[in-house]
């Protein structure tokens, strides 16, 4: 399958490090960057998935290196960076794509009602039942999972031309969604962190921006959005009713924004922004 490129910046010789690379969206990022000439280093916990992606990229004519690591283990990320530095060279583009949610930080209902306190039905999990440890896991994965790789790879980038960090935020950062307070808070932290880093790194020439995807069907959310027969769940129907373009996004919908933000020629004066790619969801009030 060929790689969709709405335009093709020349990334020849550049090294792109992508965390969360085994996921649907970030694997698409990796293929697009490789198709533009970048040497891509793939970081995630699942070695088999990374090896398969690296093989696919190489079959498409690109250069890829699979380096399994847990982004929350700084020593593991440091070890990965040494391998990448030796095999590919210093990092030019860092994409912090690792993230996700947990059932431990999710309620079963959208709203809290008096009977949920006095006579709670079996299987109902309210705000008061949320597991602080599970919420901490979600915050760590999304926020620390962006902070730690940046601590490890940014020193290689400082003072060099055309370098950039791209974080992955979410629509949840603009408006929290029902049921998922931990994930919404975590992505809001990623957006805020993006702005903070952009200011902090400006003197050494590292641009920092973020993409905020709207609603895309991934392996993590497939059962929440689609029934076994492929039809939309009630939550999907509500999402699409509030998305003016009336569809879910596809990985290709993110490619143009990705390539724009990593290209110094296209976005060299763009710094500290969080770009929604959401089919109009953030703009729609529901009326």
Protein backbone atom coordinates (compact mmCIF):
# COMPACT_ATOMS: atom_id res chain seq x y z
CA UNK A 1 0.00 0.00 0.00
CA UNK A 2 1.46 3.35 -1.03
CA UNK A 3 1.91 6.20 1.43
CA UNK A 4 -0.43 9.18 1.05
CA UNK A 5 1.49 12.48 0.84
CA UNK A 6 -0.48 15.68 0.16
CA UNK A 7 2.89 17.37 -0.36
CA UNK A 8 6.44 16.15 0.08
CA UNK A 9 8.96 18.16 2.10
CA UNK A 10 12.54 17.04 1.70
CA UNK A 11 13.48 15.36 4.99
CA UNK A 12 16.48 13.54 3.55
CA UNK A 13 19.13 12.88 6.16
CA UNK A 14 16.91 13.89 9.06
CA UNK A 15 16.30 11.53 11.97
CA UNK A 16 12.75 11.28 13.28
CA UNK A 17 12.10 9.56 16.63
CA UNK A 18 8.49 8.47 17.12
CA UNK A 19 7.14 7.16 20.42
CA UNK A 20 3.93 5.19 20.48
CA UNK A 21 4.94 4.12 16.98
CA UNK A 22 3.01 0.86 17.06
CA UNK A 23 -0.34 2.67 17.22
CA UNK A 24 -2.58 3.37 14.23
CA UNK A 25 -1.91 7.11 14.05
CA UNK A 26 1.80 7.14 14.86
CA UNK A 27 2.57 4.27 12.51
CA UNK A 28 1.04 6.46 9.82
CA UNK A 29 3.29 9.31 10.92
CA UNK A 30 6.32 7.03 10.64
CA UNK A 31 5.46 5.88 7.14
CA UNK A 32 4.83 9.44 5.93
CA UNK A 33 8.10 10.79 7.35
CA UNK A 34 10.05 7.88 5.90
CA UNK A 35 8.45 8.48 2.50
CA UNK A 36 9.79 12.04 2.68
CA UNK A 37 13.32 10.75 3.23
CA UNK A 38 13.63 10.79 7.02
CA UNK A 39 15.32 7.95 8.87
CA UNK A 40 12.70 6.89 11.40
CA UNK A 41 13.33 5.39 14.82
CA UNK A 42 10.30 3.55 16.18
CA UNK A 43 9.77 3.38 19.94
CA UNK A 44 7.02 1.44 21.73
CA UNK A 45 6.74 -1.48 24.10
CA UNK A 46 5.56 -4.10 21.58
CA UNK A 47 8.61 -5.38 19.72
CA UNK A 48 6.65 -7.53 17.28
CA UNK A 49 4.52 -4.60 16.13
CA UNK A 50 7.59 -2.37 15.76
CA UNK A 51 9.46 -5.00 13.74
CA UNK A 52 6.48 -5.40 11.42
CA UNK A 53 6.22 -1.63 10.92
CA UNK A 54 9.96 -1.29 10.28
CA UNK A 55 9.75 -4.07 7.69
CA UNK A 56 6.82 -2.34 6.00
CA UNK A 57 8.67 0.98 5.85
CA UNK A 58 11.77 -0.69 4.43
CA UNK A 59 9.63 -2.47 1.83
CA UNK A 60 8.34 0.95 0.81
CA UNK A 61 11.91 2.14 0.30
CA UNK A 62 12.41 3.90 3.63
CA UNK A 63 14.88 3.57 6.49
CA UNK A 64 13.50 2.42 9.84
CA UNK A 65 14.88 1.19 13.13
CA UNK A 66 12.73 -0.58 15.73
CA UNK A 67 13.85 0.15 19.29
CA UNK A 68 11.49 -1.28 21.93
CA UNK A 69 11.30 0.80 25.12
CA UNK A 70 8.84 1.97 27.76
CA UNK A 71 8.60 5.78 27.60
CA UNK A 72 8.02 5.91 31.36
CA UNK A 73 11.36 4.22 32.03
CA UNK A 74 13.94 6.96 31.57
CA UNK A 75 16.89 4.59 31.61
CA UNK A 76 15.25 2.51 28.87
CA UNK A 77 14.64 5.62 26.76
CA UNK A 78 18.24 6.69 27.30
CA UNK A 79 19.43 3.27 26.17
CA UNK A 80 17.20 3.54 23.09
CA UNK A 81 18.62 6.97 22.31
CA UNK A 82 22.17 5.58 22.37
CA UNK A 83 21.20 2.90 19.85
CA UNK A 84 19.47 5.46 17.63
CA UNK A 85 22.38 7.88 17.83
CA UNK A 86 24.84 5.17 16.85
CA UNK A 87 22.72 3.67 14.06
CA UNK A 88 20.96 6.71 12.58
CA UNK A 89 22.46 9.87 14.06
CA UNK A 90 21.17 12.66 16.33
CA UNK A 91 17.44 13.35 16.57
CA UNK A 92 16.01 16.14 14.38
CA UNK A 93 12.30 15.44 14.82
CA UNK A 94 10.77 14.06 18.02
CA UNK A 95 7.15 12.97 17.93
CA UNK A 96 5.72 12.21 21.36
CA UNK A 97 2.88 9.93 20.37
CA UNK A 98 2.73 7.52 23.31
CA UNK A 99 -0.52 7.83 25.21
CA UNK A 100 -3.81 6.21 26.06
CA UNK A 101 -6.59 5.77 28.57
CA UNK A 102 -7.46 3.18 31.24
CA UNK A 103 -10.78 1.74 32.44
CA UNK A 104 -9.60 2.61 35.96
CA UNK A 105 -9.94 6.29 35.09
CA UNK A 106 -13.31 5.97 33.35
CA UNK A 107 -16.88 6.21 34.67
CA UNK A 108 -19.64 3.99 33.32
CA UNK A 109 -22.21 6.80 33.07
CA UNK A 110 -22.03 10.31 31.66
CA UNK A 111 -23.81 11.94 34.61
CA UNK A 112 -24.03 11.41 38.36
CA UNK A 113 -27.50 10.99 39.85
CA UNK A 114 -28.67 10.88 43.51
CA UNK A 115 -29.52 7.18 43.27
CA UNK A 116 -25.91 6.44 42.30
CA UNK A 117 -24.98 7.34 45.85
CA UNK A 118 -27.95 5.91 47.76
CA UNK A 119 -28.81 2.84 45.70
CA UNK A 120 -26.11 2.25 43.12
CA UNK A 121 -26.82 -0.42 40.53
CA UNK A 122 -24.41 -3.30 40.11
CA UNK A 123 -21.62 -2.56 37.66
CA UNK A 124 -21.95 1.21 37.86
CA UNK A 125 -18.69 3.08 38.44
CA UNK A 126 -19.12 6.71 39.46
CA UNK A 127 -16.63 9.50 39.93
CA UNK A 128 -16.32 8.41 43.56
CA UNK A 129 -15.24 4.92 42.51
CA UNK A 130 -12.38 6.01 40.26
CA UNK A 131 -9.06 4.44 41.17
CA UNK A 132 -6.46 7.15 41.98
CA UNK A 133 -3.70 4.77 40.95
CA UNK A 134 -5.36 4.18 37.59
CA UNK A 135 -5.82 7.90 37.07
CA UNK A 136 -2.16 8.37 37.90
CA UNK A 137 -1.26 5.77 35.28
CA UNK A 138 -3.15 7.72 32.61
CA UNK A 139 -1.59 11.03 33.63
CA UNK A 140 1.87 9.47 33.66
CA UNK A 141 1.53 7.76 30.28
CA UNK A 142 0.34 10.88 28.47
CA UNK A 143 2.23 13.65 30.29
CA UNK A 144 5.39 11.98 31.59
CA UNK A 145 5.37 9.91 28.41
CA UNK A 146 5.93 13.19 26.55
CA UNK A 147 8.22 14.80 29.12
CA UNK A 148 10.74 11.95 29.52
CA UNK A 149 11.52 11.42 25.81
CA UNK A 150 11.89 15.18 25.43
CA UNK A 151 14.38 15.24 28.29
CA UNK A 152 16.35 12.47 26.60
CA UNK A 153 16.34 13.61 22.97
CA UNK A 154 16.19 17.43 23.18
CA UNK A 155 19.88 17.80 24.18
CA UNK A 156 20.77 16.28 20.78
CA UNK A 157 18.58 18.89 19.10
CA UNK A 158 19.62 22.06 20.92
CA UNK A 159 21.42 24.58 18.75
CA UNK A 160 20.87 22.71 15.48
CA UNK A 161 18.81 24.03 12.58
CA UNK A 162 15.36 22.78 11.63
CA UNK A 163 14.73 20.71 14.74
CA UNK A 164 11.28 20.27 16.21
CA UNK A 165 9.21 18.46 18.82
CA UNK A 166 5.65 17.47 17.97
CA UNK A 167 3.35 16.35 20.77
CA UNK A 168 0.04 14.55 20.31
CA UNK A 169 -2.81 16.18 22.20
CA UNK A 170 -6.54 15.58 21.70
CA UNK A 171 -9.97 17.16 21.42
CA UNK A 172 -10.31 16.24 25.09
CA UNK A 173 -7.82 19.00 25.85
CA UNK A 174 -10.19 21.64 24.48
CA UNK A 175 -13.38 20.26 26.00
CA UNK A 176 -13.38 17.29 28.38
CA UNK A 177 -15.48 14.38 27.23
CA UNK A 178 -17.92 12.61 29.51
CA UNK A 179 -16.76 9.39 31.21
CA UNK A 180 -12.99 9.95 30.72
CA UNK A 181 -11.79 12.60 33.21
CA UNK A 182 -8.27 11.18 33.53
CA UNK A 183 -7.59 11.13 29.79
CA UNK A 184 -9.10 14.59 29.30
CA UNK A 185 -6.95 16.03 32.08
CA UNK A 186 -3.85 14.29 30.76
CA UNK A 187 -4.26 15.67 27.25
CA UNK A 188 -4.94 19.15 28.63
CA UNK A 189 -1.58 18.80 30.38
CA UNK A 190 0.07 17.85 27.08
CA UNK A 191 -1.30 20.98 25.40
CA UNK A 192 -0.14 23.21 28.24
CA UNK A 193 3.25 21.49 28.27
CA UNK A 194 3.57 22.10 24.53
CA UNK A 195 3.23 25.84 25.04
CA UNK A 196 5.61 25.82 28.00
CA UNK A 197 8.27 23.92 26.07
CA UNK A 198 7.94 26.19 23.03
CA UNK A 199 8.85 29.18 25.18
CA UNK A 200 11.55 27.34 27.14
CA UNK A 201 13.34 25.97 24.07
CA UNK A 202 13.03 29.01 21.80
CA UNK A 203 16.56 30.32 22.55
CA UNK A 204 18.12 27.03 21.38
CA UNK A 205 16.05 26.81 18.20
CA UNK A 206 13.76 23.89 19.05
CA UNK A 207 10.20 24.51 17.87
CA UNK A 208 7.46 22.70 19.83
CA UNK A 209 3.91 22.24 18.58
CA UNK A 210 1.11 19.70 18.90
CA UNK A 211 -1.54 18.02 16.81
CA UNK A 212 -4.93 17.55 18.48
CA UNK A 213 -6.76 14.80 16.58
CA UNK A 214 -10.51 14.66 16.69
CA UNK A 215 -12.18 11.28 16.56
CA UNK A 216 -10.37 8.45 14.82
CA UNK A 217 -11.11 4.73 15.11
CA UNK A 218 -8.06 3.05 16.64
CA UNK A 219 -7.41 -0.27 18.34
CA UNK A 220 -7.81 1.41 21.75
CA UNK A 221 -11.27 2.85 21.12
CA UNK A 222 -12.71 0.48 18.50
CA UNK A 223 -15.09 -1.29 20.90
CA UNK A 224 -16.33 2.05 22.25
CA UNK A 225 -17.13 3.41 18.79
CA UNK A 226 -18.15 0.36 16.76
CA UNK A 227 -20.46 -2.56 17.45
CA UNK A 228 -19.26 -6.06 16.48
CA UNK A 229 -21.16 -5.76 13.19
CA UNK A 230 -19.38 -2.49 12.36
CA UNK A 231 -22.36 -0.23 13.07
CA UNK A 232 -21.97 2.85 15.23
CA UNK A 233 -22.47 2.71 19.00
CA UNK A 234 -24.65 5.36 20.69
CA UNK A 235 -21.47 7.20 21.71
CA UNK A 236 -20.32 7.27 18.08
CA UNK A 237 -23.67 8.61 16.99
CA UNK A 238 -23.38 11.42 19.51
CA UNK A 239 -19.82 12.22 18.38
CA UNK A 240 -20.78 12.35 14.71
CA UNK A 241 -23.80 14.52 15.49
CA UNK A 242 -21.32 17.06 16.90
CA UNK A 243 -18.80 16.74 14.07
CA UNK A 244 -19.92 19.01 11.20
CA UNK A 245 -18.14 16.87 8.60
CA UNK A 246 -20.15 13.89 9.90
CA UNK A 247 -17.43 11.26 9.80
CA UNK A 248 -14.50 9.89 11.75
CA UNK A 249 -11.02 10.89 10.72
CA UNK A 250 -8.57 8.62 8.96
CA UNK A 251 -4.80 8.54 9.54
CA UNK A 252 -4.31 10.26 6.17
CA UNK A 253 -6.27 13.26 7.48
CA UNK A 254 -3.36 14.00 9.84
CA UNK A 255 -0.56 13.71 7.30
CA UNK A 256 -0.71 17.22 5.89
CA UNK A 257 -0.62 18.85 9.32
CA UNK A 258 2.21 16.54 10.39
CA UNK A 259 4.36 17.40 7.36
CA UNK A 260 3.62 21.11 7.70
CA UNK A 261 4.66 21.21 11.35
CA UNK A 262 7.88 19.21 10.94
CA UNK A 263 9.02 21.17 7.88
CA UNK A 264 11.08 24.26 8.84
CA UNK A 265 10.50 25.71 5.38
CA UNK A 266 6.72 25.45 5.76
CA UNK A 267 6.28 26.32 9.45
CA UNK A 268 9.55 27.81 10.65
CA UNK A 269 7.78 30.64 12.52
CA UNK A 270 5.03 28.42 13.96
CA UNK A 271 5.78 27.68 17.59
CA UNK A 272 3.67 26.77 20.61
CA UNK A 273 0.42 25.98 18.77
CA UNK A 274 -2.00 23.10 19.22
CA UNK A 275 -3.67 22.37 15.88
CA UNK A 276 -7.10 20.69 15.91
CA UNK A 277 -7.66 18.18 13.12
CA UNK A 278 -11.23 17.33 13.99
CA UNK A 279 -13.73 17.86 11.20
CA UNK A 280 -15.04 20.97 12.95
CA UNK A 281 -15.83 19.33 16.31
CA UNK A 282 -14.16 22.06 18.38
CA UNK A 283 -15.99 24.79 16.46
CA UNK A 284 -19.48 23.36 16.89
CA UNK A 285 -21.59 24.43 19.88
CA UNK A 286 -24.24 21.78 19.31
CA UNK A 287 -26.80 24.35 18.15
